[in-house]
Amino acid sequence: MHSINDFLAGIEQYLGGSQWFTLLLLGTGLFFTLYLKFPQIRFFGHALKVVRGKYDKADEKGDTSHFQALTTALSGTVGTGNIAGVAFAIYLGGPAALFWMLMTAILGMTTKFVEVSLSHKYRETDEQGFISGGPMYYMKNKLKMPWLAAFFAAMTIVSSFGTGSLPQINSISSSLHSTFGIEKMLSGGVLAILLAIVILGGIKRIAKVTEKLVPTMAIIYFVGALAVIFYNYENIIPSFISIFTNVFSGTAAVGGFLGAGFSYALTKGVNRGLFSNEAGQGSAPIAHAAARTEEPVSEGMVAILEPFIDTIIICTLTGLVILSSGVWNEKLPNQFQTTDMSIMADVYDDTNKEDRNELYQFLGNQKKLPLFNGELKVKNGNIENQVSIINARSIAENVLIYNTDGDLYSGKVKIELGKFTSENGAYFKGNSLMHSAPLTAEAFTRSYLGEWGRWIVSIGLLLFAFSTAIAWAYYGGRSVTYLFGAKGVLPYRIIYCIGFFIASFADTTIIWTLSGITIVLMALPNLIGILMLHKDMKTTLNTYWDKFKKEHPEEV
């Protein structure tokens, strides 16, 4: 596991964790925001009217309504990114990372408007009579670059696992296990069967499920989040301040949190923001292509609402829950994952400024520190060697080692260059920082609901993440159809469900690292493509708006 994670982390460092991709993503959104004169502001009210069906025409071509297309696309974006992803961003980059998530969303409203409009404009009808659309179609039909279209489609298939399948079920199973004690493999098995039942029905069944699932889950989560925020009302203002005060300086060490610089908070916030709202990734255009309308820009208008709902509203709520509850920098009882853990050869104290600075540089790969190599001597769960254990980017406390039966372990534990191989079935428990869904679940207990708050997270995550897996199965299926024809869809769906099951009990850190890689590989060709078509987009928008003003002069 360690070697796999190190290999993937090395790749991710040059992709999702890199500054060049961050600048490309934000730069594309900023360019179109200025070039199209702030469409996310100018057309926001118009977008609300379009999604309500005010301008619908009965004879227009398509398989879903505007609202169904929006909820299908939202079901693909409102998922673990809103619950686990926000927690992961704050855990890595501190409160400032949430600011960069929000900036990604504001600029992403324009990016999504552009990618959806262009993809809808160049959509086709497939061999089974269903509407097919997405970035691969404008790449093929307008840019005349079939190789780029094929690469994008292939990366969409890969990303359907890295974004839509693996992290979703991993977060669901982890949350259900920590809240209800349900075995991860059992959760994965049951949900994999349900997933297969839904996705085998195609886009119309998917749309019918998501149009009911998305509003329901949003209401449940919204109420639960407010219960936490108002319970900790004295922390609301300080939480808002913390998001903005450290934007350009990074977050200083506080509590168990060892600090994060500006660059780190920026890249992690943008990366998690993209995972949350997928603006620029090119996924949502595949769902929007099925909408019943002959006006590509009208569907682009609907897409403006997605990052607003997904990130600006839901992710902000989650961020305020985590910050106002204070759990983000607290060391909490948990079972350590092997990939989150490093065993140091020296003893460190995070209340000591010099030790804290050394560990901060170690975690940022700026400095090497001696790692323990050899055997730990353990008696009644206690480690007798003079070592420090880093878990989840914090110095762990009250660490005990248990055997597979849940009893305190006695004996020797082999450590190789600071890494625990778990070859004898032993595992570590103690107090350290937490991340992803368990951190959000802990935050929800700091409310009027108490321990019942975990139910909100578990149920919300179940609905959020499951609907995301449904939507991404559709995205992947459309890409398989593009590359191999309709005959390839059934085998893909079977593999998708198998991967969904396996990820339910896989290592969380590896899953998230893989996710960061697949997002970039899919987003890169799409961002390049829409930049190449900037003039086409402006002409299409002007034509639409001139026509709309003639047909509805009272609306302008």
Protein backbone atom coordinates (compact mmCIF):
# COMPACT_ATOMS: atom_id res chain seq x y z
CA MET A 1 0.00 0.00 0.00
CA HIS A 2 2.78 2.43 0.88
CA SER A 3 4.63 1.90 -2.39
CA ILE A 4 1.40 2.32 -4.39
CA ASN A 5 0.50 5.48 -2.50
CA ASP A 6 4.01 6.93 -2.86
CA PHE A 7 3.95 6.23 -6.61
CA LEU A 8 0.53 7.86 -7.08
CA ALA A 9 1.45 10.78 -4.81
CA GLY A 10 4.53 11.40 -6.96
CA ILE A 11 2.36 11.65 -10.07
CA GLU A 12 -0.31 13.75 -8.34
CA GLN A 13 2.34 16.23 -7.20
CA TYR A 14 2.92 17.22 -10.83
CA LEU A 15 -0.78 17.25 -11.77
CA GLY A 16 -3.54 18.12 -9.29
CA GLY A 17 -1.04 19.29 -6.68
CA SER A 18 0.85 21.53 -9.10
CA GLN A 19 0.70 25.29 -9.49
CA TRP A 20 0.57 25.18 -13.31
CA PHE A 21 -2.75 23.34 -13.30
CA THR A 22 -4.15 25.63 -10.62
CA LEU A 23 -3.27 28.67 -12.74
CA LEU A 24 -4.70 27.07 -15.89
CA LEU A 25 -8.02 26.27 -14.21
CA LEU A 26 -8.46 29.64 -12.51
CA GLY A 27 -7.01 31.48 -15.50
CA THR A 28 -9.51 29.89 -17.90
CA GLY A 29 -12.42 30.87 -15.65
CA LEU A 30 -11.07 34.40 -15.25
CA PHE A 31 -10.48 34.80 -18.99
CA PHE A 32 -14.04 33.80 -19.92
CA THR A 33 -15.49 35.85 -17.06
CA LEU A 34 -13.86 38.99 -18.48
CA TYR A 35 -14.25 38.02 -22.16
CA LEU A 36 -17.99 37.34 -21.81
CA LYS A 37 -18.54 40.24 -19.38
CA PHE A 38 -19.36 38.37 -16.17
CA PRO A 39 -22.08 36.01 -17.41
CA GLN A 40 -22.37 34.35 -13.99
CA ILE A 41 -23.75 37.66 -12.67
CA ARG A 42 -25.54 39.05 -15.75
CA PHE A 43 -27.48 35.87 -16.51
CA PHE A 44 -28.09 34.43 -13.05
CA GLY A 45 -31.74 35.53 -12.91
CA HIS A 46 -32.31 34.39 -16.48
CA ALA A 47 -30.85 30.98 -15.60
CA LEU A 48 -33.41 30.54 -12.82
CA LYS A 49 -36.24 31.20 -15.28
CA VAL A 50 -34.80 28.75 -17.83
CA VAL A 51 -34.48 25.93 -15.32
CA ARG A 52 -38.10 26.45 -14.24
CA GLY A 53 -39.11 25.73 -17.84
CA LYS A 54 -40.47 29.19 -18.60
CA TYR A 55 -39.18 29.15 -22.19
CA ASP A 56 -39.58 25.43 -22.93
CA LYS A 57 -41.06 24.30 -26.25
CA ALA A 58 -42.78 20.91 -26.50
CA ASP A 59 -41.32 19.88 -29.86
CA GLU A 60 -37.63 20.38 -28.99
CA LYS A 61 -35.20 17.49 -29.29
CA GLY A 62 -33.80 15.80 -26.19
CA ASP A 63 -34.31 13.13 -23.54
CA THR A 64 -34.66 15.18 -20.31
CA SER A 65 -36.06 18.50 -19.08
CA HIS A 66 -33.82 21.41 -18.04
CA PHE A 67 -34.50 20.59 -14.39
CA GLN A 68 -33.74 16.89 -14.84
CA ALA A 69 -30.51 17.74 -16.66
CA LEU A 70 -29.58 20.10 -13.81
CA THR A 71 -30.32 17.53 -11.10
CA THR A 72 -28.49 14.78 -13.00
CA ALA A 73 -25.46 17.03 -13.36
CA LEU A 74 -25.79 18.14 -9.72
CA SER A 75 -26.02 14.53 -8.62
CA GLY A 76 -22.65 14.09 -10.29
CA THR A 77 -21.15 17.05 -8.45
CA VAL A 78 -22.96 17.11 -5.11
CA GLY A 79 -21.21 14.18 -3.49
CA THR A 80 -18.26 13.40 -1.30
CA GLY A 81 -16.61 16.65 -2.42
CA ASN A 82 -19.20 18.54 -0.39
CA ILE A 83 -18.78 16.46 2.77
CA ALA A 84 -15.43 14.67 2.65
CA GLY A 85 -13.70 16.95 0.13
CA VAL A 86 -14.21 20.16 2.12
CA ALA A 87 -12.93 18.43 5.25
CA PHE A 88 -9.93 17.11 3.30
CA ALA A 89 -9.11 20.59 1.93
CA ILE A 90 -9.27 22.24 5.36
CA TYR A 91 -7.26 19.39 6.89
CA LEU A 92 -4.52 19.95 4.29
CA GLY A 93 -4.54 23.72 3.78
CA GLY A 94 -6.39 25.18 6.76
CA PRO A 95 -9.35 27.60 6.54
CA ALA A 96 -7.72 29.48 3.62
CA ALA A 97 -8.25 26.42 1.41
CA LEU A 98 -12.01 27.00 1.67
CA PHE A 99 -11.54 30.49 0.20
CA TRP A 100 -9.85 29.00 -2.86
CA MET A 101 -12.64 26.44 -3.19
CA LEU A 102 -15.10 29.35 -3.34
CA MET A 103 -12.98 31.25 -5.88
CA THR A 104 -12.89 28.12 -8.02
CA ALA A 105 -16.69 28.04 -7.88
CA ILE A 106 -17.22 31.73 -8.74
CA LEU A 107 -14.99 31.49 -11.82
CA GLY A 108 -16.26 27.96 -12.43
CA MET A 109 -19.79 29.27 -12.97
CA THR A 110 -18.51 30.86 -16.18
CA THR A 111 -16.34 27.89 -17.15
CA LYS A 112 -19.29 25.53 -16.82
CA PHE A 113 -21.51 27.91 -18.79
CA VAL A 114 -19.00 27.80 -21.66
CA GLU A 115 -18.28 24.06 -21.69
CA VAL A 116 -21.96 23.11 -21.50
CA SER A 117 -23.01 25.55 -24.25
CA LEU A 118 -20.31 24.36 -26.66
CA SER A 119 -20.88 20.68 -25.94
CA HIS A 120 -24.64 21.04 -26.39
CA LYS A 121 -24.13 22.92 -29.67
CA TYR A 122 -22.20 20.04 -31.27
CA ARG A 123 -24.14 17.08 -29.83
CA GLU A 124 -25.27 14.09 -31.91
CA THR A 125 -27.83 11.27 -31.86
CA ASP A 126 -26.32 7.83 -31.21
CA GLU A 127 -27.08 4.51 -32.89
CA GLN A 128 -29.84 3.76 -30.35
CA GLY A 129 -31.57 7.10 -30.88
CA PHE A 130 -30.33 8.75 -27.66
CA ILE A 131 -28.75 12.19 -27.56
CA SER A 132 -24.98 12.11 -27.12
CA GLY A 133 -22.94 15.12 -26.21
CA GLY A 134 -19.92 16.30 -24.29
CA PRO A 135 -16.54 17.89 -25.00
CA MET A 136 -15.49 15.01 -27.26
CA TYR A 137 -18.15 16.08 -29.76
CA TYR A 138 -17.02 19.70 -30.10
CA MET A 139 -13.44 18.43 -30.31
CA LYS A 140 -14.40 16.13 -33.16
CA ASN A 141 -17.05 18.19 -34.98
CA LYS A 142 -15.70 21.72 -34.58
CA LEU A 143 -12.00 21.52 -33.75
CA LYS A 144 -11.54 18.58 -36.15
CA MET A 145 -9.25 16.92 -33.61
CA PRO A 146 -10.55 13.35 -33.27
CA TRP A 147 -7.39 12.28 -31.41
CA LEU A 148 -8.07 14.86 -28.68
CA ALA A 149 -11.71 13.76 -28.53
CA ALA A 150 -10.63 10.13 -28.13
CA PHE A 151 -8.15 11.06 -25.39
CA PHE A 152 -10.82 13.03 -23.53
CA ALA A 153 -13.33 10.17 -23.80
CA ALA A 154 -10.73 7.70 -22.51
CA MET A 155 -9.89 9.97 -19.58
CA THR A 156 -13.60 10.36 -18.82
CA ILE A 157 -13.84 6.58 -18.48
CA VAL A 158 -10.83 6.56 -16.16
CA SER A 159 -12.21 9.52 -14.20
CA SER A 160 -15.60 7.83 -13.84
CA PHE A 161 -13.77 5.52 -11.45
CA GLY A 162 -11.43 8.13 -9.94
CA THR A 163 -14.15 10.74 -9.41
CA GLY A 164 -17.48 8.98 -9.55
CA SER A 165 -17.08 5.46 -8.24
CA LEU A 166 -14.12 4.86 -5.95
CA PRO A 167 -14.11 7.91 -3.62
CA GLN A 168 -17.91 7.89 -3.34
CA ILE A 169 -18.34 4.36 -2.01
CA ASN A 170 -15.16 4.62 0.06
CA SER A 171 -16.60 7.63 1.89
CA ILE A 172 -20.01 5.97 2.26
CA SER A 173 -18.62 2.75 3.72
CA SER A 174 -16.24 4.62 6.07
CA SER A 175 -19.08 6.80 7.36
CA LEU A 176 -21.51 3.90 7.82
CA HIS A 177 -18.80 1.89 9.59
CA SER A 178 -17.89 4.69 12.02
CA THR A 179 -21.53 5.61 12.73
CA PHE A 180 -23.34 2.28 12.74
CA GLY A 181 -20.55 -0.29 12.82
CA ILE A 182 -21.64 -1.75 9.46
CA GLU A 183 -18.87 -3.74 7.79
CA LYS A 184 -17.46 -1.87 4.80
CA MET A 185 -17.67 -4.89 2.51
CA LEU A 186 -21.36 -5.34 3.34
CA SER A 187 -22.13 -1.69 2.54
CA GLY A 188 -20.21 -2.00 -0.72
CA GLY A 189 -21.98 -5.19 -1.75
CA VAL A 190 -25.52 -3.93 -1.12
CA LEU A 191 -24.95 -0.54 -2.76
CA ALA A 192 -23.17 -2.08 -5.76
CA ILE A 193 -26.32 -4.14 -6.45
CA LEU A 194 -28.55 -1.05 -6.12
CA LEU A 195 -26.20 0.90 -8.37
CA ALA A 196 -26.42 -1.78 -11.05
CA ILE A 197 -30.24 -1.73 -10.93
CA VAL A 198 -30.35 2.04 -11.51
CA ILE A 199 -27.65 2.51 -14.15
CA LEU A 200 -28.81 -0.38 -16.32
CA GLY A 201 -31.99 1.64 -16.91
CA GLY A 202 -30.15 4.39 -18.82
CA ILE A 203 -30.46 8.18 -18.68
CA LYS A 204 -34.26 8.32 -18.32
CA ARG A 205 -34.25 6.13 -15.21
CA ILE A 206 -31.21 7.98 -13.88
CA ALA A 207 -32.95 11.34 -14.39
CA LYS A 208 -36.11 10.14 -12.61
CA VAL A 209 -34.06 8.98 -9.61
CA THR A 210 -31.85 12.05 -9.38
CA GLU A 211 -34.64 14.63 -9.68
CA LYS A 212 -36.09 13.22 -6.43
CA LEU A 213 -32.82 12.32 -4.71
CA VAL A 214 -30.93 15.61 -5.13
CA PRO A 215 -33.52 17.99 -3.57
CA THR A 216 -34.22 15.54 -0.72
CA MET A 217 -30.60 15.09 0.24
CA ALA A 218 -29.91 18.84 -0.01
CA ILE A 219 -32.70 19.65 2.46
CA ILE A 220 -31.57 17.00 4.98
CA TYR A 221 -27.99 18.19 4.88
CA PHE A 222 -28.91 21.89 4.97
CA VAL A 223 -30.97 21.48 8.16
CA GLY A 224 -28.27 19.43 9.87
CA ALA A 225 -25.54 21.93 8.97
CA LEU A 226 -27.52 24.87 10.35
CA ALA A 227 -28.02 22.95 13.60
CA VAL A 228 -24.24 22.84 14.04
CA ILE A 229 -23.53 26.41 12.97
CA PHE A 230 -26.17 28.00 15.24
CA TYR A 231 -25.21 25.75 18.16
CA ASN A 232 -21.70 27.22 17.88
CA TYR A 233 -22.99 30.71 17.05
CA GLU A 234 -20.16 32.44 18.94
CA ASN A 235 -17.70 30.95 16.42
CA ILE A 236 -19.51 32.01 13.25
CA ILE A 237 -17.76 35.38 12.84
CA PRO A 238 -14.29 34.05 13.81
CA SER A 239 -14.78 31.19 11.31
CA PHE A 240 -15.57 33.63 8.49
CA ILE A 241 -12.58 35.75 9.44
CA SER A 242 -10.25 32.73 9.44
CA ILE A 243 -11.27 31.89 5.87
CA PHE A 244 -10.19 35.27 4.54
CA THR A 245 -7.40 36.52 6.82
CA ASN A 246 -4.87 33.84 5.87
CA VAL A 247 -5.58 33.70 2.14
CA PHE A 248 -2.20 35.06 1.03
CA SER A 249 -0.12 34.17 4.08
CA GLY A 250 -1.19 30.58 4.71
CA THR A 251 -2.55 29.20 7.97
CA ALA A 252 -0.26 29.24 10.98
CA ALA A 253 0.10 26.26 13.32
CA VAL A 254 -2.78 26.03 15.78
CA GLY A 255 -3.83 23.13 17.98
CA GLY A 256 -2.78 19.87 16.35
CA PHE A 257 -2.58 21.57 12.93
CA LEU A 258 1.09 22.12 12.00
CA GLY A 259 0.43 24.91 9.49
CA ALA A 260 0.07 25.33 5.72
CA GLY A 261 1.65 27.87 3.37
CA PHE A 262 -0.10 29.98 0.74
CA SER A 263 0.86 27.77 -2.19
CA TYR A 264 -0.28 24.61 -0.44
CA ALA A 265 -3.65 26.09 0.57
CA LEU A 266 -4.15 27.43 -2.96
CA THR A 267 -3.46 24.16 -4.78
CA LYS A 268 -5.41 22.00 -2.34
CA GLY A 269 -8.37 24.39 -2.25
CA VAL A 270 -8.56 24.62 -6.04
CA ASN A 271 -8.11 20.85 -6.44
CA ARG A 272 -10.90 20.07 -3.97
CA GLY A 273 -13.04 22.85 -5.47
CA LEU A 274 -12.74 21.21 -8.88
CA PHE A 275 -13.55 17.82 -7.37
CA SER A 276 -16.64 19.36 -5.79
CA ASN A 277 -18.17 21.32 -8.69
CA GLU A 278 -16.28 19.80 -11.67
CA ALA A 279 -16.30 23.14 -13.53
CA GLY A 280 -13.78 22.71 -16.33
CA GLN A 281 -13.55 18.96 -15.96
CA GLY A 282 -15.99 18.40 -18.81
CA SER A 283 -18.32 15.95 -17.06
CA ALA A 284 -21.53 17.97 -16.64
CA PRO A 285 -21.82 18.77 -20.38
CA ILE A 286 -22.45 15.07 -20.98
CA ALA A 287 -25.58 15.21 -18.81
CA HIS A 288 -26.72 18.60 -20.13
CA ALA A 289 -26.45 17.41 -23.73
CA ALA A 290 -29.57 15.30 -23.17
CA ALA A 291 -31.73 18.33 -22.29
CA ARG A 292 -34.70 19.14 -24.51
CA THR A 293 -33.75 22.43 -26.16
CA GLU A 294 -32.49 23.63 -29.51
CA GLU A 295 -30.67 26.55 -27.87
CA PRO A 296 -27.24 25.47 -26.57
CA VAL A 297 -26.79 28.69 -24.60
CA SER A 298 -30.03 28.18 -22.69
CA GLU A 299 -28.63 24.93 -21.32
CA GLY A 300 -25.39 26.73 -20.55
CA MET A 301 -27.48 29.17 -18.51
CA VAL A 302 -28.79 26.28 -16.42
CA ALA A 303 -25.22 25.12 -15.81
CA ILE A 304 -24.33 28.48 -14.23
CA LEU A 305 -26.39 27.42 -11.21
CA GLU A 306 -24.41 24.24 -10.52
CA PRO A 307 -21.21 25.61 -8.94
CA PHE A 308 -23.33 28.13 -7.05
CA ILE A 309 -25.49 25.43 -5.46
CA ASP A 310 -22.76 22.83 -5.12
CA THR A 311 -19.82 24.85 -3.82
CA ILE A 312 -20.87 28.35 -2.82
CA ILE A 313 -23.86 27.11 -0.81
CA ILE A 314 -23.25 23.50 0.23
CA CYS A 315 -19.45 23.57 0.57
CA THR A 316 -19.59 26.86 2.49
CA LEU A 317 -22.06 25.25 4.88
CA THR A 318 -19.77 22.27 5.38
CA GLY A 319 -16.77 24.54 5.87
CA LEU A 320 -18.57 26.62 8.50
CA VAL A 321 -19.66 23.42 10.26
CA ILE A 322 -16.07 22.18 10.47
CA LEU A 323 -14.56 25.55 11.46
CA SER A 324 -17.24 26.69 13.92
CA SER A 325 -17.25 23.31 15.68
CA GLY A 326 -13.48 23.54 16.15
CA VAL A 327 -12.79 19.93 15.16
CA TRP A 328 -10.46 20.76 12.27
CA ASN A 329 -7.42 21.28 14.52
CA GLU A 330 -8.36 18.93 17.37
CA LYS A 331 -6.71 15.57 17.98
CA LEU A 332 -9.56 13.07 18.08
CA PRO A 333 -9.70 9.32 18.83
CA ASN A 334 -9.46 7.24 15.66
CA GLN A 335 -7.95 4.16 14.07
CA PHE A 336 -4.90 5.04 11.99
CA GLN A 337 -4.64 4.22 8.30
CA THR A 338 -1.21 2.94 7.36
CA THR A 339 -0.74 5.44 4.51
CA ASP A 340 -1.51 8.36 6.85
CA MET A 341 1.14 7.27 9.34
CA SER A 342 4.91 7.80 9.68
CA ILE A 343 6.97 6.58 12.64
CA MET A 344 9.82 8.94 13.47
CA ALA A 345 13.14 7.87 15.03
CA ASP A 346 13.16 10.89 17.40
CA VAL A 347 10.68 12.28 19.90
CA TYR A 348 8.93 15.52 18.88
CA ASP A 349 6.69 17.94 20.77
CA ASP A 350 4.23 20.02 18.75
CA THR A 351 4.06 22.63 21.52
CA ASN A 352 7.74 23.32 20.85
CA LYS A 353 8.16 25.89 18.07
CA GLU A 354 11.40 24.39 16.74
CA ASP A 355 9.95 20.86 16.58
CA ARG A 356 6.79 22.19 14.97
CA ASN A 357 8.75 23.98 12.24
CA GLU A 358 10.84 20.87 11.52
CA LEU A 359 7.71 18.71 11.17
CA TYR A 360 6.03 21.34 8.99
CA GLN A 361 8.99 21.23 6.60
CA PHE A 362 9.03 17.42 6.74
CA LEU A 363 5.37 17.18 5.77
CA GLY A 364 5.97 19.63 2.92
CA ASN A 365 8.87 17.53 1.59
CA GLN A 366 11.21 20.45 2.30
CA LYS A 367 13.32 18.63 4.89
CA LYS A 368 14.23 15.05 5.69
CA LEU A 369 13.94 13.79 9.26
CA PRO A 370 15.14 10.42 10.62
CA LEU A 371 12.55 7.66 10.25
CA PHE A 372 12.39 4.64 12.55
CA ASN A 373 13.63 1.44 10.97
CA GLY A 374 13.49 -1.85 12.86
CA GLU A 375 11.14 -3.41 15.40
CA LEU A 376 8.87 -1.68 17.86
CA LYS A 377 8.69 -3.36 21.25
CA VAL A 378 5.09 -3.39 22.42
CA LYS A 379 3.74 -4.38 25.83
CA ASN A 380 0.01 -4.29 26.59
CA GLY A 381 -0.50 -2.03 23.59
CA ASN A 382 2.13 0.50 24.66
CA ILE A 383 5.21 1.24 22.54
CA GLU A 384 8.37 1.05 24.65
CA ASN A 385 10.71 2.62 22.03
CA GLN A 386 11.44 6.35 22.07
CA VAL A 387 9.59 7.36 18.91
CA SER A 388 6.98 9.83 17.68
CA ILE A 389 4.10 8.78 15.46
CA ILE A 390 2.86 11.20 12.83
CA ASN A 391 -0.69 10.40 11.80
CA ALA A 392 -2.85 12.54 9.54
CA ARG A 393 -0.22 15.31 9.51
CA SER A 394 -0.16 15.61 13.32
CA ILE A 395 1.75 14.15 16.26
CA ALA A 396 -0.39 11.30 17.56
CA GLU A 397 -1.09 10.98 21.28
CA ASN A 398 -2.25 8.15 23.55
CA VAL A 399 -1.26 5.59 20.92
CA LEU A 400 -2.07 1.94 21.57
CA ILE A 401 -1.59 -1.09 19.33
CA TYR A 402 -4.26 -3.79 19.08
CA ASN A 403 -4.35 -7.26 17.58
CA THR A 404 -6.94 -8.61 15.15
CA ASP A 405 -9.22 -9.70 18.02
CA GLY A 406 -9.37 -6.15 19.36
CA ASP A 407 -7.17 -6.91 22.38
CA LEU A 408 -4.10 -4.92 23.38
CA TYR A 409 -1.09 -6.25 21.51
CA SER A 410 2.16 -7.46 23.05
CA GLY A 411 5.20 -8.41 20.99
CA LYS A 412 7.22 -6.85 18.19
CA VAL A 413 6.02 -4.81 15.22
CA LYS A 414 8.23 -4.48 12.14
CA ILE A 415 8.72 -0.97 10.75
CA GLU A 416 10.47 -0.23 7.46
CA LEU A 417 11.72 3.34 7.07
CA GLY A 418 8.90 4.74 9.15
CA LYS A 419 6.19 2.69 7.48
CA PHE A 420 4.00 0.09 9.15
CA THR A 421 3.26 -2.91 6.94
CA SER A 422 0.46 -4.41 9.11
CA GLU A 423 1.69 -7.85 8.10
CA ASN A 424 0.75 -9.40 11.46
CA GLY A 425 -2.73 -7.89 11.54
CA ALA A 426 -1.99 -5.37 14.30
CA TYR A 427 -3.40 -1.87 14.08
CA PHE A 428 -2.85 1.49 15.77
CA LYS A 429 -5.37 3.63 17.63
CA GLY A 430 -4.89 6.99 19.28
CA ASN A 431 -5.63 10.69 19.13
CA SER A 432 -4.68 12.67 16.03
CA LEU A 433 -6.16 14.98 13.45
CA MET A 434 -8.82 13.47 11.21
CA HIS A 435 -9.86 14.16 7.63
CA SER A 436 -12.51 13.41 5.01
CA ALA A 437 -15.97 12.15 6.02
CA PRO A 438 -15.07 11.12 9.62
CA LEU A 439 -14.00 14.73 10.35
CA THR A 440 -17.29 16.12 9.05
CA ALA A 441 -19.21 13.47 11.01
CA GLU A 442 -17.40 14.52 14.19
CA ALA A 443 -18.23 18.17 13.50
CA PHE A 444 -21.94 17.35 13.18
CA THR A 445 -21.96 15.96 16.72
CA ARG A 446 -21.09 19.41 18.08
CA SER A 447 -24.68 20.58 17.74
CA TYR A 448 -28.18 20.36 19.19
CA LEU A 449 -28.36 16.87 17.69
CA GLY A 450 -25.36 15.46 19.61
CA GLU A 451 -24.39 11.98 18.41
CA TRP A 452 -27.44 11.97 16.15
CA GLY A 453 -25.51 14.43 13.99
CA ARG A 454 -23.48 11.50 12.67
CA TRP A 455 -26.71 10.16 11.18
CA ILE A 456 -27.12 13.35 9.14
CA VAL A 457 -23.64 12.94 7.69
CA SER A 458 -24.03 9.23 7.06
CA ILE A 459 -27.45 9.54 5.42
CA GLY A 460 -26.49 12.71 3.54
CA LEU A 461 -23.26 11.14 2.37
CA LEU A 462 -25.07 7.97 1.35
CA LEU A 463 -27.51 9.93 -0.83
CA PHE A 464 -24.94 12.46 -2.09
CA ALA A 465 -22.27 9.94 -2.98
CA PHE A 466 -24.61 7.29 -4.36
CA SER A 467 -26.23 9.78 -6.72
CA THR A 468 -22.77 10.90 -7.85
CA ALA A 469 -21.83 7.31 -8.66
CA ILE A 470 -25.06 7.01 -10.69
CA ALA A 471 -24.33 10.14 -12.74
CA TRP A 472 -20.71 9.20 -13.40
CA ALA A 473 -21.76 5.76 -14.63
CA TYR A 474 -23.75 7.62 -17.28
CA TYR A 475 -20.78 9.87 -18.16
CA GLY A 476 -18.49 6.86 -18.49
CA GLY A 477 -21.11 4.98 -20.52
CA ARG A 478 -21.46 7.85 -22.99
CA SER A 479 -17.68 7.90 -23.43
CA VAL A 480 -17.59 4.15 -23.98
CA THR A 481 -20.30 4.58 -26.63
CA TYR A 482 -18.22 7.27 -28.32
CA LEU A 483 -15.11 5.08 -28.45
CA PHE A 484 -16.49 1.56 -28.90
CA GLY A 485 -20.18 1.85 -29.73
CA ALA A 486 -23.19 0.80 -27.66
CA LYS A 487 -21.91 -2.80 -27.38
CA GLY A 488 -19.24 -1.67 -24.90
CA VAL A 489 -21.62 -0.10 -22.39
CA LEU A 490 -22.79 -3.26 -20.60
CA PRO A 491 -19.25 -4.61 -19.95
CA TYR A 492 -18.24 -1.13 -18.74
CA ARG A 493 -21.16 -0.97 -16.30
CA ILE A 494 -20.30 -4.39 -14.90
CA ILE A 495 -16.67 -3.37 -14.34
CA TYR A 496 -17.86 -0.06 -12.86
CA CYS A 497 -20.00 -1.86 -10.27
CA ILE A 498 -17.17 -4.27 -9.41
CA GLY A 499 -14.77 -1.36 -8.88
CA PHE A 500 -17.44 0.35 -6.77
CA PHE A 501 -17.58 -2.71 -4.50
CA ILE A 502 -13.80 -3.11 -4.15
CA ALA A 503 -13.30 0.57 -3.28
CA SER A 504 -15.66 0.22 -0.31
CA PHE A 505 -12.86 -1.38 1.72
CA ALA A 506 -9.79 0.12 -0.02
CA ASP A 507 -7.36 2.62 1.53
CA THR A 508 -8.90 6.12 1.68
CA THR A 509 -5.68 8.06 1.13
CA ILE A 510 -4.84 6.10 -2.03
CA ILE A 511 -8.38 6.65 -3.34
CA TRP A 512 -8.15 10.43 -2.90
CA THR A 513 -4.67 10.59 -4.45
CA LEU A 514 -5.90 8.64 -7.50
CA SER A 515 -8.87 10.99 -7.72
CA GLY A 516 -6.60 14.03 -7.94
CA ILE A 517 -4.76 12.48 -10.89
CA THR A 518 -7.82 11.46 -12.91
CA ILE A 519 -9.49 14.88 -12.51
CA VAL A 520 -6.55 16.66 -14.15
CA LEU A 521 -6.18 14.15 -16.99
CA MET A 522 -9.82 14.74 -17.90
CA ALA A 523 -9.90 18.52 -17.35
CA LEU A 524 -6.75 19.36 -19.29
CA PRO A 525 -8.00 18.61 -22.86
CA ASN A 526 -11.35 20.22 -22.08
CA LEU A 527 -9.81 23.48 -20.83
CA ILE A 528 -7.54 23.66 -23.87
CA GLY A 529 -10.50 22.95 -26.16
CA ILE A 530 -12.83 25.65 -24.82
CA LEU A 531 -10.02 28.22 -24.92
CA MET A 532 -9.51 27.41 -28.60
CA LEU A 533 -13.24 27.99 -29.19
CA HIS A 534 -13.53 31.29 -27.33
CA LYS A 535 -14.64 33.19 -30.47
CA ASP A 536 -17.23 30.52 -31.29
CA MET A 537 -18.60 30.84 -27.75
CA LYS A 538 -18.91 34.61 -27.94
CA THR A 539 -20.67 34.48 -31.32
CA THR A 540 -23.06 31.78 -30.08
CA LEU A 541 -23.90 33.81 -26.96
CA ASN A 542 -24.51 37.03 -28.90
CA THR A 543 -26.73 35.23 -31.43
CA TYR A 544 -28.78 33.66 -28.63
CA TRP A 545 -29.20 36.90 -26.73
CA ASP A 546 -30.19 38.92 -29.84
CA LYS A 547 -32.81 36.30 -30.68
CA PHE A 548 -34.09 36.22 -27.10
CA LYS A 549 -34.48 40.01 -26.97
CA LYS A 550 -36.60 39.92 -30.14
CA GLU A 551 -38.83 37.10 -28.88
CA HIS A 552 -39.12 38.41 -25.29
CA PRO A 553 -38.62 42.19 -25.32
CA GLU A 554 -40.45 42.48 -22.00
CA GLU A 555 -37.79 40.32 -20.30
CA VAL A 556 -34.78 42.46 -21.23
